[in-house]
Protein backbone atom coordinates (compact mmCIF):
# COMPACT_ATOMS: atom_id res chain seq x y z
CA MET A 1 -53.71 -44.64 24.16
CA THR A 2 -56.45 -44.68 21.59
CA ASN A 3 -59.54 -42.59 21.16
CA ASN A 4 -62.01 -45.47 21.55
CA ASN A 5 -63.73 -43.70 24.45
CA ILE A 6 -64.26 -40.43 22.60
CA LYS A 7 -65.66 -41.61 19.34
CA ASN A 8 -69.10 -40.55 18.35
CA GLU A 9 -70.80 -41.30 15.08
CA LYS A 10 -67.49 -40.52 13.33
CA ASP A 11 -64.30 -42.49 13.81
CA PHE A 12 -62.25 -39.32 14.41
CA VAL A 13 -62.31 -36.02 16.32
CA ASP A 14 -62.15 -33.11 13.89
CA VAL A 15 -59.73 -30.17 14.00
CA THR A 16 -62.11 -27.61 15.48
CA GLU A 17 -63.89 -29.93 17.93
CA LYS A 18 -63.57 -29.37 21.66
CA LEU A 19 -63.26 -32.14 24.24
CA SER A 20 -64.00 -32.27 27.93
CA LEU A 21 -61.00 -31.71 30.22
CA LYS A 22 -61.26 -35.32 31.37
CA LYS A 23 -60.56 -36.49 27.82
CA ALA A 24 -58.38 -33.61 26.60
CA ILE A 25 -55.76 -33.60 29.40
CA PRO A 26 -54.45 -37.16 28.90
CA LEU A 27 -54.43 -36.63 25.12
CA SER A 28 -52.45 -33.39 25.59
CA ILE A 29 -49.95 -35.18 27.86
CA GLN A 30 -49.61 -37.84 25.19
CA HIS A 31 -48.57 -35.19 22.64
CA LEU A 32 -46.12 -33.75 25.17
CA PHE A 33 -44.54 -37.18 25.66
CA ALA A 34 -44.26 -37.63 21.90
CA MET A 35 -42.14 -34.49 21.42
CA PHE A 36 -40.43 -34.44 24.80
CA GLY A 37 -37.36 -36.58 24.13
CA ALA A 38 -36.51 -35.02 20.78
CA SER A 39 -37.29 -31.44 21.78
CA VAL A 40 -35.27 -31.63 25.01
CA LEU A 41 -32.34 -33.23 23.18
CA VAL A 42 -31.56 -29.99 21.33
CA PRO A 43 -30.99 -27.82 24.45
CA LEU A 44 -28.98 -30.63 26.03
CA ILE A 45 -26.68 -30.66 22.99
CA PHE A 46 -26.44 -26.85 23.18
CA LYS A 47 -25.90 -27.01 26.98
CA ILE A 48 -28.72 -24.58 27.82
CA ASP A 49 -31.71 -24.81 30.18
CA PRO A 50 -34.16 -27.37 28.72
CA THR A 51 -37.18 -26.12 30.65
CA THR A 52 -36.71 -22.62 29.23
CA VAL A 53 -36.86 -24.21 25.79
CA LEU A 54 -40.02 -26.11 26.78
CA PHE A 55 -41.52 -22.82 27.98
CA PHE A 56 -40.91 -21.10 24.65
CA ASN A 57 -42.02 -24.18 22.72
CA GLY A 58 -45.33 -23.84 24.54
CA ILE A 59 -45.53 -20.10 23.83
CA GLY A 60 -44.74 -20.77 20.17
CA THR A 61 -47.40 -23.47 19.93
CA LEU A 62 -50.09 -21.14 21.32
CA LEU A 63 -48.98 -18.30 19.00
CA TYR A 64 -49.05 -20.68 16.03
CA ALA A 65 -52.59 -21.82 16.90
CA PHE A 66 -53.72 -18.18 17.07
CA ILE A 67 -52.12 -17.15 13.75
CA THR A 68 -53.49 -20.22 11.94
CA LYS A 69 -57.00 -19.49 13.30
CA LYS A 70 -56.91 -22.73 15.36
CA ARG A 71 -57.24 -24.80 12.17
CA ILE A 72 -53.88 -26.61 12.07
CA PRO A 73 -53.13 -29.16 14.83
CA ALA A 74 -49.36 -28.68 15.11
CA TYR A 75 -46.97 -28.55 18.07
CA LEU A 76 -43.83 -26.43 17.66
CA GLY A 77 -40.75 -28.12 19.12
CA SER A 78 -36.98 -27.61 18.92
CA SER A 79 -35.52 -27.76 15.42
CA PHE A 80 -32.61 -30.12 14.63
CA ALA A 81 -31.61 -28.20 11.48
CA PHE A 82 -29.49 -25.75 13.49
CA ILE A 83 -27.35 -28.21 15.46
CA SER A 84 -24.49 -28.18 12.95
CA PRO A 85 -24.06 -24.38 12.57
CA VAL A 86 -24.50 -23.85 16.33
CA LEU A 87 -21.78 -26.37 17.21
CA LEU A 88 -19.58 -24.74 14.58
CA LEU A 89 -20.07 -21.35 16.24
CA TYR A 90 -19.38 -22.85 19.68
CA SER A 91 -16.07 -24.20 18.34
CA GLN A 92 -15.22 -20.65 17.20
CA GLY A 93 -15.75 -19.27 20.70
CA TYR A 94 -19.20 -17.67 20.38
CA ASP A 95 -21.53 -17.71 23.39
CA PHE A 96 -25.16 -18.76 23.17
CA GLN A 97 -26.57 -15.23 23.44
CA THR A 98 -24.69 -14.29 20.28
CA ILE A 99 -25.97 -17.45 18.61
CA GLN A 100 -29.50 -16.40 19.62
CA GLY A 101 -29.10 -13.36 17.38
CA GLY A 102 -28.81 -15.73 14.43
CA PHE A 103 -32.03 -17.45 15.53
CA VAL A 104 -33.85 -14.10 15.58
CA PHE A 105 -32.83 -13.43 11.98
CA VAL A 106 -33.91 -16.94 11.01
CA GLY A 107 -37.36 -16.10 12.38
CA ILE A 108 -37.38 -12.80 10.49
CA ALA A 109 -36.36 -14.55 7.25
CA PHE A 110 -39.01 -17.21 7.87
CA SER A 111 -41.66 -14.51 8.32
CA VAL A 112 -40.57 -12.65 5.17
CA ILE A 113 -40.74 -15.91 3.20
CA ALA A 114 -44.24 -16.47 4.63
CA ILE A 115 -45.39 -13.07 3.37
CA ILE A 116 -43.86 -13.66 -0.07
CA VAL A 117 -45.42 -17.13 -0.27
CA GLY A 118 -48.77 -15.58 0.59
CA TYR A 119 -48.54 -13.47 -2.59
CA THR A 120 -46.54 -15.69 -4.96
CA GLY A 121 -46.79 -19.31 -3.80
CA MET A 122 -43.92 -21.79 -3.32
CA GLY A 123 -42.70 -21.99 -6.93
CA TRP A 124 -39.69 -19.70 -6.47
CA ILE A 125 -38.39 -21.76 -3.53
CA ASN A 126 -38.64 -24.92 -5.59
CA LYS A 127 -36.66 -23.16 -8.35
CA LEU A 128 -34.02 -21.83 -5.96
CA PHE A 129 -33.68 -25.13 -4.11
CA PRO A 130 -34.61 -27.99 -6.43
CA PRO A 131 -34.72 -31.48 -4.85
CA ALA A 132 -31.13 -32.20 -5.93
CA ALA A 133 -29.94 -29.20 -3.89
CA MET A 134 -32.26 -29.64 -0.91
CA GLY A 135 -31.50 -33.34 -0.57
CA SER A 136 -27.77 -32.61 -0.61
CA ILE A 137 -27.98 -29.85 2.00
CA ILE A 138 -30.06 -31.94 4.41
CA THR A 139 -27.66 -34.88 4.00
CA ILE A 140 -24.71 -32.60 4.80
CA ILE A 141 -26.37 -31.42 8.02
CA GLY A 142 -26.45 -34.99 9.31
CA LEU A 143 -23.01 -36.07 8.07
CA GLU A 144 -21.32 -32.95 9.48
CA LEU A 145 -22.42 -34.07 12.94
CA ALA A 146 -21.09 -37.64 12.72
CA SER A 147 -17.91 -36.92 14.70
CA ASN A 148 -19.91 -35.18 17.43
CA ALA A 149 -22.06 -38.27 17.89
CA ALA A 150 -19.02 -40.55 18.09
CA ASP A 151 -17.31 -38.22 20.55
CA GLN A 152 -20.34 -38.04 22.86
CA ALA A 153 -20.79 -41.81 22.66
CA GLY A 154 -17.28 -42.38 24.08
CA PHE A 155 -15.39 -43.51 20.97
CA PRO A 156 -11.78 -42.34 20.39
CA VAL A 157 -12.72 -40.08 17.48
CA GLY A 158 -14.60 -36.85 17.07
CA LEU A 159 -13.96 -33.42 18.55
CA SER A 160 -11.86 -34.56 21.50
CA ASN A 161 -9.65 -36.92 19.47
CA SER A 162 -9.30 -38.97 22.65
CA PRO A 163 -6.69 -41.72 22.15
CA THR A 164 -8.53 -44.23 24.33
CA LEU A 165 -11.95 -45.83 24.35
CA ASN A 166 -14.17 -44.68 27.23
CA VAL A 167 -15.68 -48.09 28.01
CA THR A 168 -18.27 -46.82 30.48
CA TRP A 169 -19.55 -44.18 28.07
CA VAL A 170 -19.63 -46.65 25.20
CA ILE A 171 -21.72 -49.12 27.22
CA VAL A 172 -24.24 -46.43 28.20
CA SER A 173 -24.43 -44.96 24.69
CA MET A 174 -24.83 -48.33 22.99
CA VAL A 175 -27.54 -49.46 25.45
CA THR A 176 -29.34 -46.19 24.69
CA LEU A 177 -28.91 -46.63 20.94
CA GLY A 178 -29.99 -50.28 21.08
CA THR A 179 -33.12 -49.34 23.01
CA VAL A 180 -34.13 -46.72 20.44
CA ILE A 181 -33.53 -49.16 17.58
CA LEU A 182 -35.55 -51.95 19.22
CA CYS A 183 -38.40 -49.53 20.06
CA ASN A 184 -38.52 -48.41 16.44
CA VAL A 185 -38.66 -51.89 14.94
CA LEU A 186 -40.58 -53.87 17.60
CA LEU A 187 -43.08 -51.59 19.34
CA LYS A 188 -46.49 -50.67 17.98
CA GLY A 189 -49.08 -47.98 18.57
CA PHE A 190 -48.16 -44.94 20.64
CA LEU A 191 -44.97 -46.55 22.01
CA LYS A 192 -43.56 -46.58 18.48
CA VAL A 193 -43.96 -42.78 18.40
CA ILE A 194 -41.78 -42.18 21.49
CA PRO A 195 -38.62 -44.27 20.93
CA ILE A 196 -36.31 -41.35 21.81
CA LEU A 197 -38.06 -40.78 25.14
CA ILE A 198 -37.88 -44.50 25.99
CA GLY A 199 -34.24 -44.61 24.92
CA VAL A 200 -33.37 -41.64 27.15
CA ILE A 201 -35.10 -43.29 30.13
CA VAL A 202 -33.36 -46.65 29.66
CA GLY A 203 -30.01 -44.95 28.99
CA TYR A 204 -30.46 -42.77 32.07
CA ILE A 205 -31.12 -45.80 34.27
CA THR A 206 -28.04 -47.53 32.81
CA ALA A 207 -25.91 -44.44 33.44
CA PHE A 208 -27.18 -44.26 37.02
CA CYS A 209 -26.23 -47.90 37.63
CA MET A 210 -22.73 -47.13 36.30
CA GLY A 211 -22.28 -44.11 38.56
CA LEU A 212 -22.64 -41.37 35.96
CA VAL A 213 -25.65 -39.59 37.50
CA ASP A 214 -25.43 -37.09 40.35
CA PHE A 215 -28.73 -36.08 41.96
CA GLY A 216 -27.16 -33.31 44.05
CA THR A 217 -28.43 -30.55 41.75
CA VAL A 218 -31.94 -32.04 41.78
CA ASN A 219 -32.09 -32.17 45.58
CA ASN A 220 -30.95 -28.56 45.85
CA ALA A 221 -33.21 -27.22 43.08
CA ASN A 222 -36.31 -25.14 43.83
CA PHE A 223 -39.72 -26.44 42.84
CA PHE A 224 -40.61 -23.11 41.22
CA VAL A 225 -38.25 -21.01 39.09
CA LEU A 226 -38.67 -18.36 36.45
CA PRO A 227 -37.60 -19.27 32.89
CA ASN A 228 -33.94 -18.47 32.26
CA ILE A 229 -34.42 -15.43 30.02
CA LYS A 230 -31.35 -14.19 28.16
CA VAL A 231 -31.65 -11.42 25.57
CA ALA A 232 -29.98 -12.05 22.20
CA HIS A 233 -26.79 -10.35 21.06
CA PHE A 234 -26.19 -9.76 17.38
CA ASN A 235 -23.08 -10.62 15.38
CA MET A 236 -22.99 -10.72 11.58
CA ASN A 237 -20.80 -13.83 11.34
CA ALA A 238 -23.10 -15.77 13.67
CA ILE A 239 -26.17 -14.59 11.73
CA LEU A 240 -24.76 -15.59 8.33
CA THR A 241 -23.58 -18.96 9.66
CA ILE A 242 -27.04 -19.87 10.96
CA LEU A 243 -29.26 -18.18 8.37
CA PRO A 244 -28.89 -20.72 5.49
CA ALA A 245 -30.62 -23.41 7.58
CA THR A 246 -33.83 -21.35 7.24
CA PHE A 247 -34.58 -22.85 3.84
CA VAL A 248 -34.13 -26.38 5.18
CA VAL A 249 -36.71 -25.73 7.90
CA VAL A 250 -39.07 -24.14 5.36
CA ALA A 251 -38.89 -27.30 3.25
CA GLU A 252 -39.43 -29.45 6.34
CA HIS A 253 -42.39 -27.30 7.38
CA VAL A 254 -44.05 -27.59 3.97
CA GLY A 255 -43.60 -31.36 4.01
CA HIS A 256 -45.11 -31.68 7.47
CA LEU A 257 -48.10 -29.55 6.46
CA LYS A 258 -48.72 -31.81 3.44
CA VAL A 259 -48.67 -34.91 5.66
CA THR A 260 -50.93 -33.30 8.25
CA SER A 261 -53.37 -32.28 5.50
CA SER A 262 -53.58 -35.84 4.26
CA ILE A 263 -54.22 -37.12 7.80
CA VAL A 264 -56.97 -34.66 8.75
CA GLY A 265 -58.58 -34.78 5.30
CA ARG A 266 -58.43 -31.10 4.37
CA ASP A 267 -56.00 -28.89 2.44
CA LEU A 268 -54.40 -26.85 5.21
CA ALA A 269 -52.12 -25.09 2.70
CA LYS A 270 -55.25 -23.35 1.36
CA ASP A 271 -57.26 -22.95 4.57
CA PRO A 272 -55.96 -21.32 6.71
CA GLY A 273 -53.03 -21.11 4.25
CA LEU A 274 -49.38 -22.08 4.02
CA HIS A 275 -48.37 -18.46 4.57
CA ARG A 276 -50.12 -18.37 7.95
CA SER A 277 -48.46 -21.63 8.95
CA LEU A 278 -45.00 -20.35 7.97
CA LEU A 279 -45.64 -17.01 9.68
CA GLY A 280 -46.63 -18.72 12.93
CA ASP A 281 -43.41 -20.71 12.93
CA GLY A 282 -41.35 -17.64 12.02
CA LEU A 283 -42.76 -15.43 14.78
CA SER A 284 -42.32 -18.25 17.28
CA THR A 285 -38.64 -18.51 16.31
CA ILE A 286 -38.16 -14.73 16.67
CA ILE A 287 -39.52 -14.82 20.23
CA SER A 288 -37.59 -17.96 21.15
CA GLY A 289 -34.33 -16.61 19.76
CA MET A 290 -34.72 -13.19 21.31
CA PHE A 291 -35.22 -14.47 24.85
CA GLY A 292 -33.03 -17.53 25.28
CA SER A 293 -34.46 -20.50 23.42
CA VAL A 294 -33.93 -22.26 20.08
CA PRO A 295 -35.68 -22.13 16.68
CA THR A 296 -38.96 -24.02 16.50
CA THR A 297 -40.44 -26.34 13.92
CA THR A 298 -43.46 -28.59 13.46
CA TYR A 299 -42.88 -32.11 14.79
CA GLY A 300 -43.23 -35.40 12.96
CA GLU A 301 -43.75 -37.19 16.29
CA ASN A 302 -46.89 -35.21 16.99
CA ILE A 303 -48.15 -35.79 13.45
CA GLY A 304 -47.69 -39.48 14.18
CA VAL A 305 -49.88 -39.16 17.29
CA LEU A 306 -52.60 -37.52 15.19
CA ALA A 307 -52.54 -40.46 12.79
CA LEU A 308 -52.57 -43.06 15.59
CA THR A 309 -55.33 -41.58 17.75
CA LYS A 310 -57.45 -39.93 15.02
CA VAL A 311 -57.90 -37.04 17.44
CA TYR A 312 -57.14 -33.97 15.33
CA SER A 313 -58.45 -31.32 17.72
CA VAL A 314 -56.32 -28.18 17.89
CA TYR A 315 -57.47 -27.75 21.47
CA VAL A 316 -55.59 -30.91 22.46
CA ILE A 317 -52.42 -29.43 20.93
CA VAL A 318 -53.06 -26.14 22.73
CA GLY A 319 -53.35 -28.15 25.95
CA ALA A 320 -49.93 -29.69 25.28
CA GLY A 321 -48.55 -26.18 24.77
CA LEU A 322 -50.00 -25.01 28.08
CA ILE A 323 -48.49 -27.98 29.93
CA SER A 324 -45.15 -27.24 28.27
CA ILE A 325 -45.33 -23.65 29.57
CA VAL A 326 -46.03 -24.92 33.10
CA LEU A 327 -42.96 -27.19 32.91
CA GLY A 328 -40.92 -24.09 32.12
CA PHE A 329 -41.40 -22.98 35.73
CA SER A 330 -40.25 -26.27 37.28
CA GLY A 331 -36.80 -26.04 38.83
CA LYS A 332 -36.82 -29.72 39.75
CA MET A 333 -37.61 -30.71 36.17
CA SER A 334 -34.83 -28.51 34.80
CA ALA A 335 -32.31 -29.99 37.23
CA LEU A 336 -33.42 -33.55 36.50
CA ILE A 337 -33.15 -33.14 32.72
CA SER A 338 -29.74 -31.52 33.11
CA THR A 339 -28.42 -34.62 34.91
CA ILE A 340 -28.83 -36.72 31.74
CA PRO A 341 -25.22 -37.80 31.04
CA THR A 342 -23.41 -37.04 27.78
CA PRO A 343 -23.19 -40.70 26.61
CA VAL A 344 -26.99 -40.97 26.72
CA ILE A 345 -27.16 -38.00 24.36
CA GLY A 346 -24.40 -39.62 22.30
CA GLY A 347 -26.37 -42.83 21.90
CA ILE A 348 -29.44 -40.93 20.71
CA SER A 349 -27.32 -38.74 18.42
CA PHE A 350 -25.80 -41.80 16.76
CA LEU A 351 -29.16 -42.57 15.20
CA LEU A 352 -30.59 -39.06 15.12
CA PHE A 353 -27.80 -37.45 13.11
CA GLY A 354 -27.75 -40.41 10.74
CA THR A 355 -31.50 -40.07 10.32
CA ILE A 356 -31.08 -36.43 9.32
CA ALA A 357 -28.59 -37.46 6.64
CA THR A 358 -30.88 -40.26 5.47
CA SER A 359 -33.76 -37.79 5.19
CA GLY A 360 -31.71 -35.93 2.61
CA LEU A 361 -31.10 -39.12 0.64
CA ARG A 362 -34.81 -39.92 0.88
CA THR A 363 -35.52 -36.58 -0.78
CA PHE A 364 -33.70 -37.81 -3.89
CA ILE A 365 -35.91 -40.89 -4.02
CA GLU A 366 -39.27 -39.31 -3.16
CA GLU A 367 -38.75 -36.41 -5.57
CA LYS A 368 -37.47 -38.81 -8.27
CA VAL A 369 -34.25 -36.87 -8.86
CA ASP A 370 -32.84 -37.99 -12.22
CA PHE A 371 -29.04 -38.08 -11.97
CA ALA A 372 -28.82 -38.84 -15.67
CA LYS A 373 -29.52 -35.11 -16.08
CA SER A 374 -26.32 -33.08 -15.90
CA ARG A 375 -27.89 -30.30 -13.83
CA ASN A 376 -28.87 -32.66 -11.02
CA LEU A 377 -25.57 -34.53 -11.04
CA ILE A 378 -23.51 -31.32 -11.03
CA LEU A 379 -25.59 -29.61 -8.35
CA THR A 380 -25.47 -32.57 -5.97
CA SER A 381 -21.79 -33.34 -6.57
CA VAL A 382 -20.54 -29.79 -6.05
CA VAL A 383 -22.75 -29.17 -2.99
CA PHE A 384 -21.56 -32.40 -1.33
CA ILE A 385 -17.87 -31.56 -1.79
CA VAL A 386 -18.26 -27.94 -0.70
CA GLY A 387 -20.22 -28.96 2.38
CA LEU A 388 -18.14 -31.93 3.53
CA SER A 389 -14.59 -31.03 2.50
CA GLY A 390 -13.97 -28.40 5.16
CA ILE A 391 -13.61 -25.58 2.63
CA LYS A 392 -13.89 -22.16 4.31
CA LEU A 393 -14.81 -18.82 2.77
CA THR A 394 -13.59 -15.86 4.83
CA LEU A 395 -14.85 -12.36 4.08
CA GLY A 396 -13.48 -9.98 6.68
CA THR A 397 -14.75 -11.24 10.02
CA ILE A 398 -17.32 -13.53 8.37
CA GLU A 399 -16.48 -17.21 7.89
CA LEU A 400 -18.68 -19.63 5.96
CA LYS A 401 -18.19 -23.39 5.77
CA GLY A 402 -20.11 -26.65 5.83
CA MET A 403 -23.86 -26.49 5.38
CA GLY A 404 -23.93 -22.68 5.24
CA LEU A 405 -21.43 -22.41 2.41
CA ALA A 406 -23.03 -25.36 0.61
CA THR A 407 -26.43 -23.64 0.73
CA ILE A 408 -25.05 -20.46 -0.84
CA VAL A 409 -23.25 -22.43 -3.55
CA ALA A 410 -26.46 -24.36 -4.28
CA MET A 411 -28.37 -21.09 -4.66
CA LEU A 412 -25.77 -19.62 -7.03
CA ILE A 413 -25.67 -22.72 -9.23
CA SER A 414 -29.48 -22.90 -9.32
CA ILE A 415 -29.71 -19.22 -10.30
CA CYS A 416 -27.18 -19.79 -13.11
CA PHE A 417 -29.22 -22.75 -14.39
CA MET A 418 -32.42 -20.67 -14.26
CA ILE A 419 -30.76 -17.93 -16.31
CA PHE A 420 -29.51 -20.47 -18.85
CA ASP A 421 -33.04 -21.90 -19.08
CA LYS A 422 -34.50 -18.45 -19.72
CA LEU A 423 -31.92 -17.79 -22.43
CA GLY A 424 -32.64 -21.18 -23.99
CA ILE A 425 -29.00 -22.21 -24.07
CA MET A 426 -29.17 -25.29 -21.77
CA ASN A 427 -28.52 -28.50 -23.71
CA GLU A 428 -31.22 -30.43 -21.79
CA ALA A 429 -34.80 -29.80 -20.76
CA GLU A 430 -35.54 -28.31 -17.35
């Protein structure tokens, strides 16, 4: 869909402009479609109610619009940065309500960072997590999940260590993966923005044809249900395992805001301010975590829709949030989404988790990380080994490994380098 029918003397619809319902509703649905596949994928991986997550995504989007004075067109969807620590906690026997407690503290940390940024700017974060560290941490998040993707896709590796190939699962997962790849490289316009949604649909149809879909739960589901609210429990080990991912989402958020600013033609980091944007995301995550959902983040898919349609109106995004809230009350929708078979998720994850890892490698390139400098080489090398080797640090009942431990190590090394710089004893320039 394009905005040919809503152009006036300009060739775009500005951030604060309102549209008639006749024009706004289809544009809002378009934004919902753009985020739907990716945002629903997270609760499916976590095995929780996807419509409850959609409900809180909508609540978070409206809260974000209010806090940013309706000047930033951004939809808040489910964050991928927490998949690795959550699956780690599941493997240790924690239930989702305990994991929610970690999400609440992520939101609190996000909000505190927002307040600090409002007074000091982003310089300290860039010092604490230079590109060499951030790129490594993001790469680890994706690579840690590789075995999960293979396991869900039906291959004899991964968490189950199954000795045999599940041919049916492999066919479904590879059809799903192939569809997403072809959509990415062949389609144009809006269809290029929703490859995950198309892949899920094609994979779902394939799974149905191979007898992997049972509509019994859909037939028995009510049309109207209340969101599945579950209040968070708090456990220090769960909190410390999840908390390090906060800085990854902060970096992602800042990057998205820069891209959105360039698209809409105004510096959103100054007006309404980066601190307001971070605070909106942080408060949304607190609410989501407290009552049964997942951490939220701004979505690249929706930014892509802004660029394609040149409709930047916040009111269109608010409309998408309202529709998302309505879907949270649909029992039929919840049941239908829950029937998506595991190999469909596995096929999507094959590319998705690899894309997360590649995003970390892209950070090295875009930020022009110079590995001829000892500090960058050392930081990246040590963080990779700590994060991918399986090293565990146990302090009482608290266990740190993978991305969480790598993040802490990156912070400690960066702080040491900063001290050496201040003392003037480093043998190379900062």
